[in-house]
Amino acid sequence: MTTDRSPSPPCVLVLRALGLGDLLAGVPALRGIRRAFPGHRVVLAQPPGLAELALASGAVDAVFPAEAPGRAVPDLAHWPGPPPDVAVDLHGNGPESRDALAALSPRRLLAHACPDGPPWRATDNERDRWCAFLHGYGIPADPLDLRLPPPATPSPAPGAVVVHPGAASGSRRWPGERFAAVVRCLRAAGHRVVLTGGPGEDALVRSVAERSGRPGGDVLTGGLPFGQLSALVTGASLVLSGDTGLAHLAVAHGTRTVTLFGPVSPRLWGPPPSPDHVALWKPGPPGDPHGRTPDPRLLRIRTGEVAAACLMLLRDGRGRQRQPRPEVATHVH
């Protein structure tokens, strides 16, 4: 028996230890890194709960568990291998994330906070910003390269409208009674509606179900495993949600979306311009995306305009005549 003593490939360690939406917005940049270093092993430092999604993107070879409360920079001292050949900071633009990677003594470090780092483009969409960062280092990346392969798991509710009333913060959470009113409208128009929620959102989802008149039907609580959630979103006719990771997942699977924005403009975090995606937002001064109470801009979005946007996309999805509609780059009033 012979033993393979060939050396391990050099490693590219990428830090982006954030949430679901952040990971999906970073997929185009990760794919640019993957293409730029074909002979390297690309490892992503991120929360372990997102490992299945990261690997499904095809952009990384492995996940290094790393997370910290909130959006803080995690400690990378438990890195088990030799120093990375290249380290890339996709986590933020400050010295904290740069220093966490620098502590591992990589041969080369790419970061906004490095002396040779590209300027931070605060007004760019998140996908564009990180692709431009890589371009500054001579690494091509396409911000539209965001699609995920379809999951192997069949949808538990093919063709349904998926309504997700939750969000990670109160400032991005449209009132539950308004979601319930839209659900009633969609059901009255003959559409099956499935309500979903993440971990800790069971009470909210059940409240919306009760207010919509279907307390026991088509309610998926407890936070679905990624494979089932991905299948549900892929097979949906439409996803209605706030500015959450689920909206990014729907875009990545080519599912039509209506997304409600409040403290943050869709210009920064919305989907790419497309007739399949409507972003509803009321312009105004930026708010706190991590605030505890609903943002005033979010509360200015009325149930009638949300229901109309959903029905318009659903009508188009059934192959009827298309009508002009607002694209994500426009502000819908």
Protein backbone atom coordinates (compact mmCIF):
# COMPACT_ATOMS: atom_id res chain seq x y z
CA MET A 1 0.00 0.00 0.00
CA THR A 2 1.32 3.42 -0.89
CA THR A 3 0.73 6.57 1.10
CA ASP A 4 -0.12 9.83 -0.61
CA ARG A 5 2.47 12.28 0.67
CA SER A 6 1.59 15.05 -1.74
CA PRO A 7 1.53 18.44 -0.02
CA SER A 8 -1.77 20.02 0.89
CA PRO A 9 -2.89 22.82 -1.41
CA PRO A 10 -2.36 26.37 -0.16
CA CYS A 11 -5.29 27.92 1.65
CA VAL A 12 -7.35 31.06 1.11
CA LEU A 13 -9.14 31.99 4.34
CA VAL A 14 -12.10 34.33 3.92
CA LEU A 15 -13.74 35.99 6.91
CA ARG A 16 -17.47 36.77 6.66
CA ALA A 17 -18.89 35.61 9.98
CA LEU A 18 -22.30 37.24 9.63
CA GLY A 19 -25.90 36.14 8.91
CA LEU A 20 -27.85 34.42 6.15
CA GLY A 21 -28.47 37.54 4.07
CA ASP A 22 -24.85 38.63 4.45
CA LEU A 23 -23.61 35.26 3.22
CA LEU A 24 -25.89 35.31 0.18
CA ALA A 25 -24.92 38.90 -0.66
CA GLY A 26 -21.30 37.78 -0.45
CA VAL A 27 -21.65 34.81 -2.84
CA PRO A 28 -20.61 36.80 -5.96
CA ALA A 29 -17.41 37.92 -4.21
CA LEU A 30 -16.73 34.41 -2.92
CA ARG A 31 -17.08 33.02 -6.43
CA GLY A 32 -14.65 35.64 -7.69
CA ILE A 33 -12.15 34.47 -5.08
CA ARG A 34 -12.76 30.84 -6.02
CA ARG A 35 -11.97 31.55 -9.67
CA ALA A 36 -8.94 33.69 -8.85
CA PHE A 37 -7.28 30.92 -6.80
CA PRO A 38 -8.07 27.66 -8.62
CA GLY A 39 -5.20 25.78 -6.99
CA HIS A 40 -6.07 26.87 -3.46
CA ARG A 41 -8.42 25.45 -0.86
CA VAL A 42 -10.96 28.18 -0.09
CA VAL A 43 -12.12 28.16 3.53
CA LEU A 44 -14.85 30.48 4.79
CA ALA A 45 -14.84 31.59 8.43
CA GLN A 46 -18.52 31.93 9.31
CA PRO A 47 -21.19 30.67 11.74
CA PRO A 48 -21.39 26.86 11.55
CA GLY A 49 -25.17 26.95 11.11
CA LEU A 50 -24.70 28.35 7.61
CA ALA A 51 -22.23 25.68 6.49
CA GLU A 52 -24.71 23.80 4.29
CA LEU A 53 -25.58 26.95 2.36
CA ALA A 54 -21.95 28.02 1.97
CA LEU A 55 -20.96 24.64 0.56
CA ALA A 56 -24.03 24.54 -1.70
CA SER A 57 -22.89 27.78 -3.34
CA GLY A 58 -19.88 25.96 -4.81
CA ALA A 59 -17.70 28.94 -3.88
CA VAL A 60 -15.91 27.41 -0.90
CA ASP A 61 -14.33 24.07 -0.09
CA ALA A 62 -14.78 24.11 3.68
CA VAL A 63 -16.20 26.16 6.54
CA PHE A 64 -14.21 27.22 9.60
CA PRO A 65 -16.63 27.79 12.53
CA ALA A 66 -16.42 31.39 13.69
CA GLU A 67 -19.06 33.63 15.20
CA ALA A 68 -19.51 36.35 17.79
CA PRO A 69 -22.58 38.02 19.34
CA GLY A 70 -24.28 40.58 17.17
CA ARG A 71 -22.10 41.53 14.25
CA ALA A 72 -18.85 41.57 16.21
CA VAL A 73 -15.62 40.16 14.84
CA PRO A 74 -14.97 36.61 16.09
CA ASP A 75 -11.68 35.41 17.52
CA LEU A 76 -9.85 33.21 14.99
CA ALA A 77 -7.21 31.94 17.43
CA HIS A 78 -8.58 28.38 17.13
CA TRP A 79 -7.49 28.22 13.45
CA PRO A 80 -5.95 24.71 13.29
CA GLY A 81 -3.68 24.84 10.27
CA PRO A 82 -0.53 26.62 9.16
CA PRO A 83 -0.82 30.31 8.23
CA PRO A 84 -3.13 30.84 5.25
CA ASP A 85 -1.44 31.69 1.99
CA VAL A 86 -4.04 34.41 1.44
CA ALA A 87 -6.53 35.93 3.88
CA VAL A 88 -9.48 38.01 2.67
CA ASP A 89 -11.56 40.27 4.89
CA LEU A 90 -15.16 40.33 3.63
CA HIS A 91 -16.46 40.97 7.15
CA GLY A 92 -16.14 44.74 7.42
CA ASN A 93 -13.98 47.76 6.74
CA GLY A 94 -12.43 48.32 10.14
CA PRO A 95 -9.18 47.25 11.79
CA GLU A 96 -10.86 44.64 14.00
CA SER A 97 -11.59 42.14 11.22
CA ARG A 98 -8.31 42.93 9.49
CA ASP A 99 -6.37 42.35 12.74
CA ALA A 100 -8.17 39.03 13.41
CA LEU A 101 -6.86 37.73 10.08
CA ALA A 102 -3.45 39.37 10.42
CA ALA A 103 -2.94 37.51 13.72
CA LEU A 104 -2.76 34.27 11.67
CA SER A 105 0.27 35.62 9.74
CA PRO A 106 -1.01 35.04 6.18
CA ARG A 107 1.46 35.53 3.34
CA ARG A 108 -0.93 38.05 1.80
CA LEU A 109 -3.82 39.93 3.40
CA LEU A 110 -6.60 41.66 1.46
CA ALA A 111 -8.67 44.07 3.54
CA HIS A 112 -10.20 47.51 3.31
CA ALA A 113 -8.22 48.52 6.40
CA CYS A 114 -4.87 47.54 4.86
CA PRO A 115 -2.65 50.36 3.57
CA ASP A 116 -3.20 49.11 0.01
CA GLY A 117 -6.90 48.43 0.56
CA PRO A 118 -9.46 49.89 -1.86
CA PRO A 119 -11.67 52.71 -0.55
CA TRP A 120 -14.88 51.74 1.24
CA ARG A 121 -17.88 52.42 -1.02
CA ALA A 122 -20.58 53.18 1.54
CA THR A 123 -23.33 53.99 -0.97
CA ASP A 124 -22.97 50.82 -3.06
CA ASN A 125 -25.22 47.79 -2.89
CA GLU A 126 -23.63 45.14 -0.70
CA ARG A 127 -22.95 42.80 -3.63
CA ASP A 128 -21.42 45.59 -5.73
CA ARG A 129 -19.30 46.84 -2.82
CA TRP A 130 -17.50 43.56 -2.21
CA CYS A 131 -17.01 42.83 -5.91
CA ALA A 132 -15.51 46.32 -6.31
CA PHE A 133 -13.25 45.57 -3.34
CA LEU A 134 -11.89 42.51 -5.13
CA HIS A 135 -11.54 44.45 -8.40
CA GLY A 136 -9.30 46.84 -6.48
CA TYR A 137 -6.94 43.90 -5.94
CA GLY A 138 -7.18 42.76 -9.56
CA ILE A 139 -9.70 39.99 -8.89
CA PRO A 140 -12.72 39.99 -11.23
CA ALA A 141 -16.10 39.34 -9.62
CA ASP A 142 -19.61 39.68 -11.03
CA PRO A 143 -22.24 41.03 -8.58
CA LEU A 144 -24.96 39.25 -10.57
CA ASP A 145 -23.31 35.84 -10.06
CA LEU A 146 -25.60 35.04 -7.16
CA ARG A 147 -27.82 32.13 -8.22
CA LEU A 148 -27.78 28.91 -6.22
CA PRO A 149 -28.34 25.44 -7.70
CA PRO A 150 -31.81 24.01 -7.02
CA PRO A 151 -32.04 21.77 -3.97
CA ALA A 152 -32.55 18.03 -4.33
CA THR A 153 -35.32 18.06 -1.70
CA PRO A 154 -38.87 18.48 -3.09
CA SER A 155 -40.90 21.45 -1.89
CA PRO A 156 -43.37 20.75 0.94
CA ALA A 157 -45.80 23.24 -0.68
CA PRO A 158 -45.12 23.61 -4.42
CA GLY A 159 -46.62 26.71 -5.98
CA ALA A 160 -47.58 28.33 -2.68
CA VAL A 161 -47.01 31.94 -1.73
CA VAL A 162 -44.52 31.97 1.14
CA VAL A 163 -45.12 34.76 3.66
CA HIS A 164 -42.38 35.35 6.24
CA PRO A 165 -43.44 38.01 8.79
CA GLY A 166 -40.35 37.84 11.00
CA ALA A 167 -37.04 39.67 10.93
CA ALA A 168 -33.91 39.71 13.03
CA SER A 169 -34.72 43.13 14.47
CA GLY A 170 -37.90 44.99 15.34
CA SER A 171 -37.03 47.90 13.06
CA ARG A 172 -37.39 45.62 10.02
CA ARG A 173 -40.54 43.84 11.22
CA TRP A 174 -43.75 45.02 9.53
CA PRO A 175 -46.76 44.64 11.89
CA GLY A 176 -48.20 41.14 12.03
CA GLU A 177 -51.78 42.35 11.59
CA ARG A 178 -50.80 43.88 8.25
CA PHE A 179 -49.23 40.64 7.07
CA ALA A 180 -52.47 38.90 8.09
CA ALA A 181 -54.53 41.33 6.00
CA VAL A 182 -52.37 40.62 2.94
CA VAL A 183 -52.66 36.87 3.56
CA ARG A 184 -56.46 37.15 3.61
CA CYS A 185 -56.35 39.05 0.31
CA LEU A 186 -54.11 36.47 -1.35
CA ARG A 187 -56.28 33.58 -0.19
CA ALA A 188 -59.41 35.36 -1.37
CA ALA A 189 -57.77 35.56 -4.81
CA GLY A 190 -57.33 31.77 -4.78
CA HIS A 191 -53.67 31.47 -3.77
CA ARG A 192 -52.33 28.98 -1.28
CA VAL A 193 -50.31 30.79 1.39
CA VAL A 194 -47.72 29.20 3.67
CA LEU A 195 -46.47 31.09 6.72
CA THR A 196 -42.90 30.57 7.89
CA GLY A 197 -40.76 31.86 10.71
CA GLY A 198 -37.27 31.51 12.01
CA PRO A 199 -36.20 30.23 15.43
CA GLY A 200 -37.99 32.13 18.18
CA GLU A 201 -40.72 33.45 15.87
CA ASP A 202 -43.38 30.80 16.47
CA ALA A 203 -45.66 33.15 18.44
CA LEU A 204 -45.53 35.77 15.68
CA VAL A 205 -46.28 33.24 12.93
CA ARG A 206 -49.20 31.73 14.86
CA SER A 207 -50.58 35.21 15.56
CA VAL A 208 -50.52 36.07 11.85
CA ALA A 209 -52.18 32.74 11.07
CA GLU A 210 -54.95 33.38 13.60
CA ARG A 211 -55.55 36.93 12.38
CA SER A 212 -55.74 35.69 8.80
CA GLY A 213 -58.46 33.19 9.71
CA ARG A 214 -56.43 29.99 9.23
CA PRO A 215 -54.89 29.30 12.67
CA GLY A 216 -54.00 25.67 11.96
CA GLY A 217 -53.29 25.50 8.25
CA ASP A 218 -50.08 25.93 6.28
CA VAL A 219 -48.01 27.17 9.21
CA LEU A 220 -44.35 26.12 9.37
CA THR A 221 -42.82 27.08 12.69
CA GLY A 222 -39.59 26.36 14.53
CA GLY A 223 -37.23 27.41 11.77
CA LEU A 224 -36.99 24.88 8.95
CA PRO A 225 -33.68 23.12 8.28
CA PHE A 226 -31.85 24.79 5.42
CA GLY A 227 -32.59 22.02 2.89
CA GLN A 228 -36.35 22.16 3.50
CA LEU A 229 -36.40 25.95 3.60
CA SER A 230 -34.45 26.14 0.34
CA ALA A 231 -36.84 23.68 -1.30
CA LEU A 232 -39.88 25.61 -0.05
CA VAL A 233 -38.52 28.88 -1.43
CA THR A 234 -37.44 27.34 -4.74
CA GLY A 235 -40.89 25.87 -5.34
CA ALA A 236 -42.81 28.98 -4.26
CA SER A 237 -44.72 31.19 -6.68
CA LEU A 238 -43.74 34.24 -4.61
CA VAL A 239 -41.99 35.14 -1.36
CA LEU A 240 -43.29 38.08 0.68
CA SER A 241 -41.08 39.22 3.54
CA GLY A 242 -39.29 42.08 5.17
CA ASP A 243 -35.62 42.85 4.61
CA THR A 244 -34.40 39.44 5.76
CA GLY A 245 -32.17 36.58 4.72
CA LEU A 246 -35.16 34.73 3.28
CA ALA A 247 -35.61 37.46 0.67
CA HIS A 248 -31.99 36.98 -0.41
CA LEU A 249 -32.52 33.21 -0.56
CA ALA A 250 -35.54 33.65 -2.82
CA VAL A 251 -33.56 35.87 -5.20
CA ALA A 252 -30.73 33.33 -5.24
CA HIS A 253 -33.21 30.65 -6.34
CA GLY A 254 -34.93 32.81 -8.95
CA THR A 255 -38.22 33.04 -7.05
CA ARG A 256 -40.28 36.21 -7.38
CA THR A 257 -40.24 38.49 -4.35
CA VAL A 258 -42.00 41.40 -2.73
CA THR A 259 -39.71 42.78 -0.03
CA LEU A 260 -40.57 45.49 2.51
CA PHE A 261 -37.75 47.86 3.42
CA GLY A 262 -37.65 50.33 6.29
CA PRO A 263 -34.46 51.62 7.92
CA VAL A 264 -32.19 50.63 5.03
CA SER A 265 -32.73 51.54 1.39
CA PRO A 266 -33.12 48.69 -1.13
CA ARG A 267 -30.39 50.47 -3.09
CA LEU A 268 -27.99 49.12 -0.45
CA TRP A 269 -29.44 45.69 0.32
CA GLY A 270 -32.14 45.00 -2.25
CA PRO A 271 -32.13 42.48 -5.12
CA PRO A 272 -30.72 43.40 -8.53
CA PRO A 273 -33.11 45.27 -10.84
CA SER A 274 -35.54 42.76 -12.28
CA PRO A 275 -39.22 42.56 -13.20
CA ASP A 276 -39.41 39.56 -10.87
CA HIS A 277 -38.61 41.58 -7.74
CA VAL A 278 -40.48 44.48 -6.17
CA ALA A 279 -38.96 46.39 -3.26
CA LEU A 280 -41.40 48.62 -1.37
CA TRP A 281 -39.77 51.50 0.49
CA LYS A 282 -40.56 55.04 1.58
CA PRO A 283 -37.56 57.34 1.16
CA GLY A 284 -36.24 59.15 4.20
CA PRO A 285 -33.22 59.48 6.47
CA PRO A 286 -31.47 56.18 7.25
CA GLY A 287 -32.69 54.37 10.33
CA ASP A 288 -31.25 51.76 12.67
CA PRO A 289 -31.40 48.33 10.99
CA HIS A 290 -30.93 46.72 14.40
CA GLY A 291 -33.49 48.84 16.27
CA ARG A 292 -36.15 47.33 18.52
CA THR A 293 -39.27 49.05 17.17
CA PRO A 294 -40.63 49.21 13.59
CA ASP A 295 -38.96 51.90 11.53
CA PRO A 296 -41.27 54.81 10.60
CA ARG A 297 -40.55 54.28 6.88
CA LEU A 298 -41.63 50.65 7.19
CA LEU A 299 -44.87 51.65 8.90
CA ARG A 300 -45.71 53.96 6.00
CA ILE A 301 -46.07 50.92 3.72
CA ARG A 302 -49.77 50.09 3.53
CA THR A 303 -51.42 46.70 3.18
CA GLY A 304 -53.14 47.65 -0.07
CA GLU A 305 -49.93 48.41 -1.94
CA VAL A 306 -48.31 45.21 -0.65
CA ALA A 307 -51.28 43.08 -1.71
CA ALA A 308 -51.37 44.80 -5.12
CA ALA A 309 -47.65 44.17 -5.71
CA CYS A 310 -48.04 40.50 -4.78
CA LEU A 311 -51.07 39.97 -7.01
CA MET A 312 -49.37 41.71 -9.91
CA LEU A 313 -46.37 39.37 -9.75
CA LEU A 314 -48.56 36.32 -9.26
CA ARG A 315 -50.67 37.26 -12.27
CA ASP A 316 -47.55 37.61 -14.39
CA GLY A 317 -46.27 34.30 -13.07
CA ARG A 318 -49.37 32.59 -14.44
CA GLY A 319 -48.46 33.75 -17.94
CA ARG A 320 -50.98 36.56 -18.25
CA GLN A 321 -50.18 39.81 -19.92
CA ARG A 322 -47.40 41.71 -18.18
CA GLN A 323 -48.07 45.20 -16.93
CA PRO A 324 -45.47 47.88 -16.13
CA ARG A 325 -44.28 47.56 -12.58
CA PRO A 326 -41.66 49.15 -10.35
CA GLU A 327 -38.24 47.60 -10.33
CA VAL A 328 -36.05 47.32 -7.28
CA ALA A 329 -34.02 50.40 -8.17
CA THR A 330 -37.11 52.60 -7.92
CA HIS A 331 -38.83 53.73 -4.75
CA VAL A 332 -42.46 52.65 -4.62
CA HIS A 333 -44.69 55.16 -2.84
